[in-house]
């Protein structure tokens, strides 16, 4: 009977085969670990390459998805993981030979780990308990394009009561690449506008979570909120230099009755603007 790995690496690939070829061997060389590769409709046939050259890796193939959705890709990989701990790592990040030996002793049931000091090019690397990840229903698949899906999962782990810890960032090595590669398979190619949309969404989402509870915001509701926020930005051709406003209508508080013949509307108004606007 196969032993259960202590740690499951989850790495996704879409149009980044050369980077996968450079980094995957370092993941597979880690003792007491397994590696899951998600071929997210990769036009370069990353899944075929993995089967032919690294059959020890577990492969998840997602088809007919021309637009990359990182949250969904990572969730698909996590769904087949066997380890008690999950390590989400980008395809352009390699690990040192001593990675698992150094990290596994740091694992704590009440926390999650990120690299310290935080490397800009590897800020999406995180290690968390598989049970915690499942209780959060994974990465938020309402988030589209580049940025913020990692900030979201870290915040929700903290909402769950987990403490952020660290492991040495020297254990990671990154492959430099440009924004064209980062956004090639996203619907929006402007990295920074996409990040503003996603950041705006997180502010609204977290406020609603505190108001209504984590379980009240179903994926369908979150997708609707995200679409409205994205449309607000796209409808404002000056959103790169001027304020964008978004309003959220809140449900009534039934425990505080209103006089007959009257009603109360509750609404939050959000504005995102460059810091130079007062």
C-alpha atoms as a PDB file:
ATOM      1  CA  UNK A   1       0.000   0.000   0.000  1.00  0.00           C
ATOM      2  CA  UNK A   2       1.361   3.417  -0.978  1.00  0.00           C
ATOM      3  CA  UNK A   3       2.280   5.655   1.927  1.00  0.00           C
ATOM      4  CA  UNK A   4       0.468   8.961   2.338  1.00  0.00           C
ATOM      5  CA  UNK A   5       2.749  11.873   1.468  1.00  0.00           C
ATOM      6  CA  UNK A   6       3.247  14.587   4.056  1.00  0.00           C
ATOM      7  CA  UNK A   7       3.021  17.323   1.436  1.00  0.00           C
ATOM      8  CA  UNK A   8       1.282  17.639  -1.933  1.00  0.00           C
ATOM      9  CA  UNK A   9       2.638  20.158  -4.435  1.00  0.00           C
ATOM     10  CA  UNK A  10       0.018  21.617  -6.784  1.00  0.00           C
ATOM     11  CA  UNK A  11       1.373  23.345  -9.888  1.00  0.00           C
ATOM     12  CA  UNK A  12      -0.674  24.542 -12.874  1.00  0.00           C
ATOM     13  CA  UNK A  13       0.413  25.061 -16.465  1.00  0.00           C
ATOM     14  CA  UNK A  14      -1.079  26.886 -19.425  1.00  0.00           C
ATOM     15  CA  UNK A  15       1.357  27.997 -22.117  1.00  0.00           C
ATOM     16  CA  UNK A  16       4.350  27.721 -19.750  1.00  0.00           C
ATOM     17  CA  UNK A  17       5.831  24.367 -20.759  1.00  0.00           C
ATOM     18  CA  UNK A  18       9.430  25.623 -20.790  1.00  0.00           C
ATOM     19  CA  UNK A  19       9.065  26.807 -17.197  1.00  0.00           C
ATOM     20  CA  UNK A  20       7.449  23.534 -16.140  1.00  0.00           C
ATOM     21  CA  UNK A  21      10.333  21.636 -17.708  1.00  0.00           C
ATOM     22  CA  UNK A  22      12.763  23.700 -15.631  1.00  0.00           C
ATOM     23  CA  UNK A  23      10.959  23.530 -12.261  1.00  0.00           C
ATOM     24  CA  UNK A  24       9.076  20.222 -12.107  1.00  0.00           C
ATOM     25  CA  UNK A  25      12.184  18.054 -11.482  1.00  0.00           C
ATOM     26  CA  UNK A  26      12.907  20.017  -8.288  1.00  0.00           C
ATOM     27  CA  UNK A  27       9.401  19.248  -6.962  1.00  0.00           C
ATOM     28  CA  UNK A  28       9.537  15.571  -7.849  1.00  0.00           C
ATOM     29  CA  UNK A  29      12.886  15.178  -6.111  1.00  0.00           C
ATOM     30  CA  UNK A  30      11.426  16.111  -2.700  1.00  0.00           C
ATOM     31  CA  UNK A  31      11.164  13.175  -0.266  1.00  0.00           C
ATOM     32  CA  UNK A  32       7.843  12.448   1.459  1.00  0.00           C
ATOM     33  CA  UNK A  33       5.973  14.528  -1.129  1.00  0.00           C
ATOM     34  CA  UNK A  34       3.785  14.094  -4.194  1.00  0.00           C
ATOM     35  CA  UNK A  35       3.415  16.466  -7.124  1.00  0.00           C
ATOM     36  CA  UNK A  36       0.191  17.207  -8.988  1.00  0.00           C
ATOM     37  CA  UNK A  37       0.409  18.975 -12.346  1.00  0.00           C
ATOM     38  CA  UNK A  38      -2.733  20.580 -13.745  1.00  0.00           C
ATOM     39  CA  UNK A  39      -2.603  20.848 -17.536  1.00  0.00           C
ATOM     40  CA  UNK A  40      -5.186  23.603 -17.954  1.00  0.00           C
ATOM     41  CA  UNK A  41      -5.873  23.190 -21.664  1.00  0.00           C
ATOM     42  CA  UNK A  42      -2.201  23.989 -22.269  1.00  0.00           C
ATOM     43  CA  UNK A  43      -1.653  24.641 -26.007  1.00  0.00           C
ATOM     44  CA  UNK A  44       1.881  23.211 -25.732  1.00  0.00           C
ATOM     45  CA  UNK A  45       0.685  19.828 -24.515  1.00  0.00           C
ATOM     46  CA  UNK A  46       2.211  20.016 -21.040  1.00  0.00           C
ATOM     47  CA  UNK A  47       0.220  16.961 -19.929  1.00  0.00           C
ATOM     48  CA  UNK A  48       1.670  14.836 -22.736  1.00  0.00           C
ATOM     49  CA  UNK A  49       5.180  15.952 -21.784  1.00  0.00           C
ATOM     50  CA  UNK A  50       4.575  15.082 -18.120  1.00  0.00           C
ATOM     51  CA  UNK A  51       3.273  11.604 -18.992  1.00  0.00           C
ATOM     52  CA  UNK A  52       6.251  10.897 -21.237  1.00  0.00           C
ATOM     53  CA  UNK A  53       9.046  12.349 -19.097  1.00  0.00           C
ATOM     54  CA  UNK A  54       7.795  12.415 -15.482  1.00  0.00           C
ATOM     55  CA  UNK A  55       5.198   9.675 -14.957  1.00  0.00           C
ATOM     56  CA  UNK A  56       5.740   9.943 -11.189  1.00  0.00           C
ATOM     57  CA  UNK A  57       3.771  13.196 -11.255  1.00  0.00           C
ATOM     58  CA  UNK A  58       0.018  12.961 -10.910  1.00  0.00           C
ATOM     59  CA  UNK A  59      -1.658  14.632 -13.870  1.00  0.00           C
ATOM     60  CA  UNK A  60      -4.992  16.476 -13.979  1.00  0.00           C
ATOM     61  CA  UNK A  61      -6.129  17.455 -17.469  1.00  0.00           C
ATOM     62  CA  UNK A  62      -8.648  20.263 -18.010  1.00  0.00           C
ATOM     63  CA  UNK A  63      -9.917  20.619 -21.565  1.00  0.00           C
ATOM     64  CA  UNK A  64     -11.802  23.205 -23.649  1.00  0.00           C
ATOM     65  CA  UNK A  65     -10.812  26.162 -21.448  1.00  0.00           C
ATOM     66  CA  UNK A  66      -9.170  28.811 -23.668  1.00  0.00           C
ATOM     67  CA  UNK A  67      -9.203  31.362 -20.817  1.00  0.00           C
ATOM     68  CA  UNK A  68      -6.975  30.528 -17.861  1.00  0.00           C
ATOM     69  CA  UNK A  69      -8.685  30.442 -14.468  1.00  0.00           C
ATOM     70  CA  UNK A  70      -6.003  29.981 -11.821  1.00  0.00           C
ATOM     71  CA  UNK A  71      -8.401  29.469  -8.923  1.00  0.00           C
ATOM     72  CA  UNK A  72     -10.247  26.681 -10.713  1.00  0.00           C
ATOM     73  CA  UNK A  73      -6.979  25.102 -11.870  1.00  0.00           C
ATOM     74  CA  UNK A  74      -5.619  24.978  -8.330  1.00  0.00           C
ATOM     75  CA  UNK A  75      -8.887  23.636  -6.965  1.00  0.00           C
ATOM     76  CA  UNK A  76      -8.833  20.862  -9.559  1.00  0.00           C
ATOM     77  CA  UNK A  77      -5.340  19.885  -8.474  1.00  0.00           C
ATOM     78  CA  UNK A  78      -6.149  20.007  -4.771  1.00  0.00           C
ATOM     79  CA  UNK A  79      -9.152  17.740  -5.319  1.00  0.00           C
ATOM     80  CA  UNK A  80      -6.884  14.753  -6.044  1.00  0.00           C
ATOM     81  CA  UNK A  81      -4.177  15.505  -3.450  1.00  0.00           C
ATOM     82  CA  UNK A  82      -3.459  12.836  -0.846  1.00  0.00           C
ATOM     83  CA  UNK A  83      -1.160  14.762   1.485  1.00  0.00           C
ATOM     84  CA  UNK A  84      -2.357  16.279   4.744  1.00  0.00           C
ATOM     85  CA  UNK A  85      -0.706  19.532   3.620  1.00  0.00           C
ATOM     86  CA  UNK A  86      -0.973  21.327   0.278  1.00  0.00           C
ATOM     87  CA  UNK A  87       1.751  23.485  -1.247  1.00  0.00           C
ATOM     88  CA  UNK A  88       0.454  25.722  -4.032  1.00  0.00           C
ATOM     89  CA  UNK A  89       3.348  26.886  -6.153  1.00  0.00           C
ATOM     90  CA  UNK A  90       3.546  28.674  -9.510  1.00  0.00           C
ATOM     91  CA  UNK A  91       5.024  26.973 -12.537  1.00  0.00           C
ATOM     92  CA  UNK A  92       7.916  29.464 -12.621  1.00  0.00           C
ATOM     93  CA  UNK A  93       9.071  28.586  -9.081  1.00  0.00           C
ATOM     94  CA  UNK A  94      11.584  25.849  -8.274  1.00  0.00           C
ATOM     95  CA  UNK A  95      12.438  24.536  -4.811  1.00  0.00           C
ATOM     96  CA  UNK A  96      15.801  23.813  -3.225  1.00  0.00           C
ATOM     97  CA  UNK A  97      16.860  20.162  -2.672  1.00  0.00           C
ATOM     98  CA  UNK A  98      16.344  20.567   1.085  1.00  0.00           C
ATOM     99  CA  UNK A  99      12.884  22.164   0.771  1.00  0.00           C
ATOM    100  CA  UNK A 100      10.735  19.411   2.290  1.00  0.00           C
ATOM    101  CA  UNK A 101      13.303  18.572   4.975  1.00  0.00           C
ATOM    102  CA  UNK A 102      13.302  22.211   6.067  1.00  0.00           C
ATOM    103  CA  UNK A 103       9.565  22.887   5.751  1.00  0.00           C
ATOM    104  CA  UNK A 104       7.842  19.768   7.070  1.00  0.00           C
ATOM    105  CA  UNK A 105       9.084  20.285  10.666  1.00  0.00           C
ATOM    106  CA  UNK A 106       7.548  23.783  10.576  1.00  0.00           C
ATOM    107  CA  UNK A 107       4.009  22.580   9.824  1.00  0.00           C
ATOM    108  CA  UNK A 108       1.538  23.446  12.574  1.00  0.00           C
ATOM    109  CA  UNK A 109      -2.138  22.482  12.696  1.00  0.00           C
ATOM    110  CA  UNK A 110      -3.120  25.998  13.726  1.00  0.00           C
ATOM    111  CA  UNK A 111      -1.308  27.815  10.946  1.00  0.00           C
ATOM    112  CA  UNK A 112      -0.232  28.125   7.328  1.00  0.00           C
ATOM    113  CA  UNK A 113       3.143  29.009   5.838  1.00  0.00           C
ATOM    114  CA  UNK A 114       4.390  31.574   3.338  1.00  0.00           C
ATOM    115  CA  UNK A 115       7.982  32.387   2.331  1.00  0.00           C
ATOM    116  CA  UNK A 116       9.855  34.972   4.441  1.00  0.00           C
ATOM    117  CA  UNK A 117      11.037  37.518   3.539  1.00  0.00           C
ATOM    118  CA  UNK A 118       8.297  37.588   0.943  1.00  0.00           C
ATOM    119  CA  UNK A 119       9.693  37.349  -2.608  1.00  0.00           C
ATOM    120  CA  UNK A 120       7.652  39.403  -5.085  1.00  0.00           C
ATOM    121  CA  UNK A 121       7.851  36.736  -7.795  1.00  0.00           C
ATOM    122  CA  UNK A 122       6.781  33.912  -5.472  1.00  0.00           C
ATOM    123  CA  UNK A 123       4.151  35.602  -3.301  1.00  0.00           C
ATOM    124  CA  UNK A 124       1.530  33.059  -4.404  1.00  0.00           C
ATOM    125  CA  UNK A 125       3.402  30.191  -2.740  1.00  0.00           C
ATOM    126  CA  UNK A 126       1.532  28.904   0.317  1.00  0.00           C
ATOM    127  CA  UNK A 127       1.364  25.745   2.403  1.00  0.00           C
ATOM    128  CA  UNK A 128      -1.885  24.983   4.247  1.00  0.00           C
ATOM    129  CA  UNK A 129      -3.743  22.034   5.703  1.00  0.00           C
ATOM    130  CA  UNK A 130      -5.842  20.139   3.192  1.00  0.00           C
ATOM    131  CA  UNK A 131      -8.736  20.052   5.681  1.00  0.00           C
ATOM    132  CA  UNK A 132      -8.610  23.839   6.117  1.00  0.00           C
ATOM    133  CA  UNK A 133      -8.534  24.324   2.353  1.00  0.00           C
ATOM    134  CA  UNK A 134     -11.569  22.068   1.966  1.00  0.00           C
ATOM    135  CA  UNK A 135     -13.508  23.879   4.700  1.00  0.00           C
ATOM    136  CA  UNK A 136     -12.933  27.155   2.801  1.00  0.00           C
ATOM    137  CA  UNK A 137     -14.076  25.505  -0.457  1.00  0.00           C
ATOM    138  CA  UNK A 138     -10.692  26.322  -1.943  1.00  0.00           C
ATOM    139  CA  UNK A 139      -9.699  29.299  -4.041  1.00  0.00           C
ATOM    140  CA  UNK A 140     -12.504  31.678  -5.039  1.00  0.00           C
ATOM    141  CA  UNK A 141     -13.475  30.818  -8.612  1.00  0.00           C
ATOM    142  CA  UNK A 142     -15.342  34.111  -8.970  1.00  0.00           C
ATOM    143  CA  UNK A 143     -11.974  35.865  -9.332  1.00  0.00           C
ATOM    144  CA  UNK A 144     -10.850  36.201 -12.929  1.00  0.00           C
ATOM    145  CA  UNK A 145      -7.561  37.167 -14.499  1.00  0.00           C
ATOM    146  CA  UNK A 146      -4.379  38.223 -12.768  1.00  0.00           C
ATOM    147  CA  UNK A 147      -3.989  38.894  -9.071  1.00  0.00           C
ATOM    148  CA  UNK A 148      -5.682  38.748  -5.651  1.00  0.00           C
ATOM    149  CA  UNK A 149      -6.730  35.088  -5.522  1.00  0.00           C
ATOM    150  CA  UNK A 150      -3.768  34.518  -3.201  1.00  0.00           C
ATOM    151  CA  UNK A 151      -4.611  37.502  -0.963  1.00  0.00           C
ATOM    152  CA  UNK A 152      -8.141  36.122  -0.727  1.00  0.00           C
ATOM    153  CA  UNK A 153      -7.130  32.642   0.449  1.00  0.00           C
ATOM    154  CA  UNK A 154      -4.684  34.077   3.014  1.00  0.00           C
ATOM    155  CA  UNK A 155      -7.380  36.356   4.444  1.00  0.00           C
ATOM    156  CA  UNK A 156      -9.916  33.536   4.650  1.00  0.00           C
ATOM    157  CA  UNK A 157      -7.399  31.268   6.383  1.00  0.00           C
ATOM    158  CA  UNK A 158      -6.976  34.025   8.960  1.00  0.00           C
ATOM    159  CA  UNK A 159     -10.779  34.341   9.280  1.00  0.00           C
ATOM    160  CA  UNK A 160     -10.709  30.608  10.032  1.00  0.00           C
ATOM    161  CA  UNK A 161      -8.386  31.330  12.942  1.00  0.00           C
ATOM    162  CA  UNK A 162      -5.183  30.123  11.330  1.00  0.00           C
ATOM    163  CA  UNK A 163      -1.959  31.998  12.045  1.00  0.00           C
ATOM    164  CA  UNK A 164       0.457  32.848   9.265  1.00  0.00           C
ATOM    165  CA  UNK A 165       3.940  31.451   9.734  1.00  0.00           C
ATOM    166  CA  UNK A 166       6.953  31.442   7.493  1.00  0.00           C
ATOM    167  CA  UNK A 167       9.624  29.312   5.889  1.00  0.00           C
ATOM    168  CA  UNK A 168      12.930  30.610   4.447  1.00  0.00           C
ATOM    169  CA  UNK A 169      12.439  32.280   1.067  1.00  0.00           C
ATOM    170  CA  UNK A 170      15.941  31.101   0.100  1.00  0.00           C
ATOM    171  CA  UNK A 171      14.348  27.682  -0.479  1.00  0.00           C
ATOM    172  CA  UNK A 172      12.620  29.080  -3.592  1.00  0.00           C
ATOM    173  CA  UNK A 173      14.041  30.134  -6.950  1.00  0.00           C
ATOM    174  CA  UNK A 174      12.064  31.944  -9.622  1.00  0.00           C
ATOM    175  CA  UNK A 175      12.255  32.252 -13.401  1.00  0.00           C
ATOM    176  CA  UNK A 176      11.891  35.848 -14.530  1.00  0.00           C
ATOM    177  CA  UNK A 177       9.311  36.620 -17.220  1.00  0.00           C
ATOM    178  CA  UNK A 178       7.325  39.592 -18.493  1.00  0.00           C
ATOM    179  CA  UNK A 179       3.704  40.664 -18.129  1.00  0.00           C
ATOM    180  CA  UNK A 180       2.887  39.421 -21.616  1.00  0.00           C
ATOM    181  CA  UNK A 181       3.503  35.869 -20.415  1.00  0.00           C
ATOM    182  CA  UNK A 182       1.631  36.505 -17.176  1.00  0.00           C
ATOM    183  CA  UNK A 183      -1.552  37.611 -18.911  1.00  0.00           C
ATOM    184  CA  UNK A 184      -1.369  35.802 -22.272  1.00  0.00           C
ATOM    185  CA  UNK A 185      -4.300  33.480 -21.515  1.00  0.00           C
ATOM    186  CA  UNK A 186      -6.438  35.849 -19.475  1.00  0.00           C
ATOM    187  CA  UNK A 187      -9.391  37.740 -20.936  1.00  0.00           C
ATOM    188  CA  UNK A 188      -7.836  41.022 -19.768  1.00  0.00           C
ATOM    189  CA  UNK A 189      -4.211  41.657 -20.692  1.00  0.00           C
ATOM    190  CA  UNK A 190      -3.767  44.791 -18.594  1.00  0.00           C
ATOM    191  CA  UNK A 191      -2.283  43.288 -15.439  1.00  0.00           C
ATOM    192  CA  UNK A 192      -2.705  46.339 -13.232  1.00  0.00           C
ATOM    193  CA  UNK A 193      -6.289  47.137 -14.224  1.00  0.00           C
ATOM    194  CA  UNK A 194      -7.176  43.508 -13.617  1.00  0.00           C
ATOM    195  CA  UNK A 195      -5.583  43.680 -10.183  1.00  0.00           C
ATOM    196  CA  UNK A 196      -7.575  46.826  -9.332  1.00  0.00           C
ATOM    197  CA  UNK A 197     -10.822  45.063 -10.246  1.00  0.00           C
ATOM    198  CA  UNK A 198      -9.883  42.047  -8.169  1.00  0.00           C
ATOM    199  CA  UNK A 199      -8.767  44.147  -5.196  1.00  0.00           C
ATOM    200  CA  UNK A 200     -12.044  46.107  -5.322  1.00  0.00           C
ATOM    201  CA  UNK A 201     -13.940  42.811  -5.358  1.00  0.00           C
ATOM    202  CA  UNK A 202     -12.097  41.560  -2.268  1.00  0.00           C
ATOM    203  CA  UNK A 203     -12.948  44.701  -0.293  1.00  0.00           C
ATOM    204  CA  UNK A 204     -16.643  44.272  -1.089  1.00  0.00           C
ATOM    205  CA  UNK A 205     -16.560  40.520  -0.499  1.00  0.00           C
ATOM    206  CA  UNK A 206     -14.816  40.726   2.884  1.00  0.00           C
ATOM    207  CA  UNK A 207     -17.243  43.376   4.130  1.00  0.00           C
ATOM    208  CA  UNK A 208     -20.185  41.226   3.084  1.00  0.00           C
ATOM    209  CA  UNK A 209     -18.619  38.176   4.735  1.00  0.00           C
ATOM    210  CA  UNK A 210     -18.357  40.043   8.021  1.00  0.00           C
ATOM    211  CA  UNK A 211     -21.929  41.285   7.649  1.00  0.00           C
ATOM    212  CA  UNK A 212     -23.616  38.105   6.427  1.00  0.00           C
ATOM    213  CA  UNK A 213     -21.198  35.294   7.330  1.00  0.00           C
ATOM    214  CA  UNK A 214     -18.787  33.327   5.172  1.00  0.00           C
ATOM    215  CA  UNK A 215     -21.364  30.746   4.098  1.00  0.00           C
ATOM    216  CA  UNK A 216     -23.948  33.277   2.862  1.00  0.00           C
ATOM    217  CA  UNK A 217     -21.938  34.259  -0.190  1.00  0.00           C
ATOM    218  CA  UNK A 218     -22.399  31.340  -2.566  1.00  0.00           C
ATOM    219  CA  UNK A 219     -20.218  31.081  -5.650  1.00  0.00           C
ATOM    220  CA  UNK A 220     -23.113  32.241  -7.817  1.00  0.00           C
ATOM    221  CA  UNK A 221     -23.605  35.347  -5.665  1.00  0.00           C
ATOM    222  CA  UNK A 222     -19.866  36.076  -5.693  1.00  0.00           C
ATOM    223  CA  UNK A 223     -19.714  35.716  -9.472  1.00  0.00           C
ATOM    224  CA  UNK A 224     -22.572  38.189  -9.794  1.00  0.00           C
ATOM    225  CA  UNK A 225     -20.807  40.714  -7.561  1.00  0.00           C
ATOM    226  CA  UNK A 226     -17.582  40.252  -9.498  1.00  0.00           C
ATOM    227  CA  UNK A 227     -19.340  40.789 -12.853  1.00  0.00           C
ATOM    228  CA  UNK A 228     -20.952  44.017 -11.617  1.00  0.00           C
ATOM    229  CA  UNK A 229     -17.653  45.367 -10.310  1.00  0.00           C
ATOM    230  CA  UNK A 230     -15.818  44.428 -13.505  1.00  0.00           C
ATOM    231  CA  UNK A 231     -18.534  46.038 -15.632  1.00  0.00           C
ATOM    232  CA  UNK A 232     -18.282  49.218 -13.513  1.00  0.00           C
ATOM    233  CA  UNK A 233     -14.576  49.476 -14.308  1.00  0.00           C
ATOM    234  CA  UNK A 234     -14.970  48.610 -17.980  1.00  0.00           C
ATOM    235  CA  UNK A 235     -17.800  51.139 -18.381  1.00  0.00           C
ATOM    236  CA  UNK A 236     -15.484  53.874 -17.119  1.00  0.00           C
ATOM    237  CA  UNK A 237     -12.909  54.551 -19.841  1.00  0.00           C
ATOM    238  CA  UNK A 238     -11.007  56.766 -17.372  1.00  0.00           C
ATOM    239  CA  UNK A 239     -10.806  54.129 -14.624  1.00  0.00           C
ATOM    240  CA  UNK A 240      -6.998  54.184 -14.824  1.00  0.00           C
ATOM    241  CA  UNK A 241      -6.907  57.837 -13.777  1.00  0.00           C
ATOM    242  CA  UNK A 242     -10.264  58.643 -12.154  1.00  0.00           C
ATOM    243  CA  UNK A 243     -12.591  57.234  -9.503  1.00  0.00           C
ATOM    244  CA  UNK A 244     -14.798  54.210 -10.080  1.00  0.00           C
ATOM    245  CA  UNK A 245     -17.860  53.830  -7.847  1.00  0.00           C
ATOM    246  CA  UNK A 246     -19.811  50.720  -6.887  1.00  0.00           C
ATOM    247  CA  UNK A 247     -22.893  50.328  -4.660  1.00  0.00           C
ATOM    248  CA  UNK A 248     -24.064  47.284  -2.719  1.00  0.00           C
ATOM    249  CA  UNK A 249     -27.600  46.919  -1.416  1.00  0.00           C
ATOM    250  CA  UNK A 250     -27.754  45.109   1.929  1.00  0.00           C
ATOM    251  CA  UNK A 251     -30.623  42.927   3.153  1.00  0.00           C
ATOM    252  CA  UNK A 252     -32.920  44.293   5.834  1.00  0.00           C
ATOM    253  CA  UNK A 253     -32.318  43.531   9.485  1.00  0.00           C
ATOM    254  CA  UNK A 254     -35.495  41.692  10.419  1.00  0.00           C
ATOM    255  CA  UNK A 255     -34.594  41.706  14.100  1.00  0.00           C
ATOM    256  CA  UNK A 256     -35.103  45.499  14.044  1.00  0.00           C
ATOM    257  CA  UNK A 257     -38.698  46.035  12.852  1.00  0.00           C
ATOM    258  CA  UNK A 258     -39.687  49.189  10.994  1.00  0.00           C
ATOM    259  CA  UNK A 259     -42.853  51.222  11.649  1.00  0.00           C
ATOM    260  CA  UNK A 260     -45.767  50.196   9.423  1.00  0.00           C
ATOM    261  CA  UNK A 261     -45.855  52.146   6.171  1.00  0.00           C
ATOM    262  CA  UNK A 262     -42.092  52.765   6.175  1.00  0.00           C
ATOM    263  CA  UNK A 263     -39.067  50.854   4.992  1.00  0.00           C
ATOM    264  CA  UNK A 264     -35.315  51.161   5.338  1.00  0.00           C
ATOM    265  CA  UNK A 265     -32.768  50.700   2.601  1.00  0.00           C
ATOM    266  CA  UNK A 266     -29.188  49.833   3.515  1.00  0.00           C
ATOM    267  CA  UNK A 267     -26.495  50.541   1.009  1.00  0.00           C
ATOM    268  CA  UNK A 268     -22.720  50.583   0.970  1.00  0.00           C
ATOM    269  CA  UNK A 269     -20.916  52.825  -1.482  1.00  0.00           C
ATOM    270  CA  UNK A 270     -17.343  52.074  -2.564  1.00  0.00           C
ATOM    271  CA  UNK A 271     -15.047  54.305  -4.556  1.00  0.00           C
ATOM    272  CA  UNK A 272     -11.621  53.368  -5.901  1.00  0.00           C
ATOM    273  CA  UNK A 273      -9.460  56.231  -7.081  1.00  0.00           C
ATOM    274  CA  UNK A 274      -5.803  57.176  -7.551  1.00  0.00           C
ATOM    275  CA  UNK A 275      -4.236  58.444  -4.324  1.00  0.00           C
ATOM    276  CA  UNK A 276      -3.812  61.895  -5.913  1.00  0.00           C
ATOM    277  CA  UNK A 277      -7.615  62.387  -6.027  1.00  0.00           C
ATOM    278  CA  UNK A 278      -9.052  63.878  -2.838  1.00  0.00           C
END
